[in-house]
Amino acid sequence: MTRAADDMEFRAWVDRARAVTTLAAAERLGFRPAKGHDKGNERAGPCPNCGGNDRFALVVQGARKGLFNCRGCGIAGKDGVGLVMAVRRIGFLEACEWIEGPRPGADRSPAAARSDGLTPGLAEQQGREAWRAGVKDCPY
């Protein structure tokens, strides 16, 4: 595949992961709304991170749709990928993989196992810094 096709495939994979709703991600993480808190604009129940009773809430409708927060452990965010990152304590690409499956071209990814001695975390950090700096062929 060409670099452009690889980039398009990677971006489509990320977009599919980002399209997963916060509620769908929470349910996949084991969240079930408490009885009586499963209707309306918000869902509340035990936190998928700390398990605290009725501390976790997420907005499923309206202008604030997707927001989540736990009054117990303090996780908060605005989308399904962010929720997976917070609960599983993983980075963005790992959260996308958890949601959407293996990333396209994973063997060429800087976060994959490398022969140049970089750890996956360091490789991902360097990739993010390159992306912020505007490097054209950065995979992030």
Protein backbone atom coordinates (compact mmCIF):
# COMPACT_ATOMS: atom_id res chain seq x y z
CA MET A 1 0.00 0.00 0.00
CA THR A 2 1.10 3.57 -0.56
CA ARG A 3 1.81 5.95 2.27
CA ALA A 4 -1.32 7.96 1.39
CA ALA A 5 -3.49 4.84 1.47
CA ASP A 6 -1.92 3.80 4.80
CA ASP A 7 -2.62 7.26 6.25
CA MET A 8 -6.23 7.19 5.05
CA GLU A 9 -6.75 3.71 6.49
CA PHE A 10 -5.20 4.76 9.82
CA ARG A 11 -7.30 7.94 10.02
CA ALA A 12 -10.48 5.97 9.21
CA TRP A 13 -9.60 3.50 11.99
CA VAL A 14 -9.13 6.38 14.48
CA ASP A 15 -12.39 8.00 13.32
CA ARG A 16 -14.27 4.72 13.88
CA ALA A 17 -12.86 4.51 17.42
CA ARG A 18 -13.77 8.14 18.13
CA ALA A 19 -17.31 7.55 16.84
CA VAL A 20 -18.04 5.10 19.68
CA THR A 21 -20.33 6.81 22.15
CA THR A 22 -19.38 7.30 25.76
CA LEU A 23 -22.32 5.14 26.82
CA ALA A 24 -21.26 2.29 24.51
CA ALA A 25 -17.67 2.47 25.81
CA ALA A 26 -18.89 2.57 29.42
CA GLU A 27 -21.12 -0.46 28.89
CA ARG A 28 -18.23 -2.35 27.29
CA LEU A 29 -16.17 -1.50 30.39
CA GLY A 30 -18.88 -3.04 32.58
CA PHE A 31 -20.95 0.05 33.51
CA ARG A 32 -24.63 -0.55 34.19
CA PRO A 33 -26.83 2.38 35.29
CA ALA A 34 -28.30 2.08 38.76
CA LYS A 35 -32.00 1.35 38.99
CA GLY A 36 -33.93 4.55 38.40
CA HIS A 37 -30.92 6.26 36.79
CA ASP A 38 -31.30 4.75 33.34
CA LYS A 39 -33.65 7.29 31.73
CA GLY A 40 -33.44 10.93 30.74
CA ASN A 41 -30.35 12.89 29.74
CA GLU A 42 -27.92 11.25 32.17
CA ARG A 43 -26.98 7.78 33.31
CA ALA A 44 -25.59 7.24 36.80
CA GLY A 45 -24.28 4.23 38.63
CA PRO A 46 -21.17 2.47 39.88
CA CYS A 47 -17.98 3.83 38.34
CA PRO A 48 -16.26 1.46 35.88
CA ASN A 49 -12.94 2.65 37.35
CA CYS A 50 -13.34 2.73 41.13
CA GLY A 51 -16.64 0.87 41.50
CA GLY A 52 -18.07 3.49 43.84
CA ASN A 53 -21.85 3.33 44.20
CA ASP A 54 -23.75 5.97 42.24
CA ARG A 55 -20.73 8.24 41.84
CA PHE A 56 -20.30 7.97 38.09
CA ALA A 57 -22.47 9.90 35.65
CA LEU A 58 -22.48 10.40 31.91
CA VAL A 59 -24.58 12.59 29.64
CA VAL A 60 -26.32 10.77 26.79
CA GLN A 61 -28.38 13.58 25.21
CA GLY A 62 -28.25 17.31 24.64
CA ALA A 63 -25.45 19.81 24.15
CA ARG A 64 -23.20 18.13 26.74
CA LYS A 65 -23.61 14.64 25.22
CA GLY A 66 -20.62 12.41 25.90
CA LEU A 67 -19.36 14.08 29.07
CA PHE A 68 -18.58 11.75 31.97
CA ASN A 69 -17.27 12.14 35.49
CA CYS A 70 -16.85 10.23 38.74
CA ARG A 71 -17.18 12.07 42.03
CA GLY A 72 -15.21 9.29 43.72
CA CYS A 73 -11.99 8.75 41.76
CA GLY A 74 -12.13 11.94 39.70
CA ILE A 75 -12.01 10.56 36.16
CA ALA A 76 -13.67 12.91 33.71
CA GLY A 77 -13.77 13.49 29.98
CA LYS A 78 -15.89 13.98 26.93
CA ASP A 79 -15.82 10.86 24.74
CA GLY A 80 -15.63 7.09 24.65
CA VAL A 81 -11.91 6.96 23.85
CA GLY A 82 -11.19 9.24 26.81
CA LEU A 83 -13.21 7.00 29.10
CA VAL A 84 -11.32 3.90 27.97
CA MET A 85 -8.01 5.75 28.45
CA ALA A 86 -8.97 6.77 32.00
CA VAL A 87 -10.37 3.43 33.15
CA ARG A 88 -7.76 1.17 31.54
CA ARG A 89 -4.89 3.64 32.19
CA ILE A 90 -3.64 3.41 28.63
CA GLY A 91 -2.69 5.85 25.88
CA PHE A 92 -4.76 7.05 22.95
CA LEU A 93 -3.63 4.45 20.42
CA GLU A 94 -4.06 1.60 22.88
CA ALA A 95 -7.58 2.85 23.68
CA CYS A 96 -8.41 2.94 19.96
CA GLU A 97 -7.10 -0.63 19.65
CA TRP A 98 -9.19 -1.71 22.64
CA ILE A 99 -12.29 -0.22 20.98
CA GLU A 100 -11.68 -0.94 17.30
CA GLY A 101 -9.17 -3.82 17.20
CA PRO A 102 -5.60 -3.85 15.86
CA ARG A 103 -4.58 -0.69 14.07
CA PRO A 104 -3.77 -0.82 10.38
CA GLY A 105 -0.06 -1.16 9.75
CA ALA A 106 0.63 -1.96 13.41
CA ASP A 107 3.97 -3.48 12.44
CA ARG A 108 5.03 -0.08 11.09
CA SER A 109 3.69 1.86 14.07
CA PRO A 110 6.13 3.65 16.38
CA ALA A 111 4.13 2.32 19.33
CA ALA A 112 4.68 -1.29 18.22
CA ALA A 113 7.65 -3.39 19.30
CA ARG A 114 10.78 -1.83 17.87
CA SER A 115 14.26 -3.01 17.04
CA ASP A 116 15.84 0.43 17.64
CA GLY A 117 15.58 0.15 21.42
CA LEU A 118 12.65 2.54 21.93
CA THR A 119 10.00 1.40 24.33
CA PRO A 120 6.41 1.62 23.05
CA GLY A 121 5.62 4.49 25.44
CA LEU A 122 8.68 6.50 24.43
CA ALA A 123 8.03 5.89 20.74
CA GLU A 124 4.44 7.10 21.13
CA GLN A 125 5.58 10.19 23.05
CA GLN A 126 8.13 11.03 20.35
CA GLY A 127 5.46 10.53 17.69
CA ARG A 128 3.10 12.93 19.46
CA GLU A 129 5.86 15.52 19.78
CA ALA A 130 6.61 15.16 16.06
CA TRP A 131 2.93 15.60 15.25
CA ARG A 132 2.75 18.76 17.39
CA ALA A 133 5.86 20.06 15.63
CA GLY A 134 4.17 19.55 12.25
CA VAL A 135 6.26 16.68 10.86
CA LYS A 136 4.52 15.69 7.61
CA ASP A 137 4.87 11.89 7.79
CA CYS A 138 4.09 11.52 11.49
CA PRO A 139 1.60 8.65 12.05
CA TYR A 140 -0.26 10.49 14.86
